[in-house]
Amino acid sequence: ENMVEIGKKKVGDLHLADAIELKTGDCEHMEFATGMFDVVTVAFGVRNFEDIPGGLTGLFSALRPGGKLFVLEFGMPRGRIFGTVYRFYFHRVLPRLGGWVSRDGKAYSYLPRSVDEFPYGEAFVRLLAEAGFEDCDCRNLFGGVAQIYTARRPDACEKTEKRR
């Protein structure tokens, strides 16, 4: 909610409040009509869903047939050298440094735990497919520190064709 309040101030400062509405909500119980959006994006938020499969089902429902989903989320590099160095930094240095700079130690101790528990990579691609999405893909960024996931809600006619 604090991030949304900061965003609302920025939207207001840019005089875009008539065009952009920022809201908080629960992806499992969306207040939007089914098929309302052409595109849904989530940046560094899916790992915070209480129920990831349920949240993905909600995102699927919010998309129109043919609509696209884009998710940007943290991951863990798998390379032996970079992965080892990054894990040390992410688990030992970042929580202390981030807590010191932000004066919010809880947020930066939570971050590594939430990333460790997130089913990144192919595991998340499988969850997207299980939620009904097609053309599910994962692209690594910065050696695996983050990923961009893309998926598409199938068109109604595609489902009919596949059943035949």
Foldseek 3Di string as FASTA:
>chain_A
DVVQVVVCVVCVVVVNCVPDDDDDDALLDDPAQFQQDQEDEEEAPLLVHPDNLSSLLSVLRNHHAFHKYKYKHFEAFDDDPVRVVVVCCLQPPQLVVVCVVVVPSVVSNVVVVSRVPDPDDPRVLVSNVVSQWPPWDWDADPNRRMIMIMTGHHHPVVVVVVVD
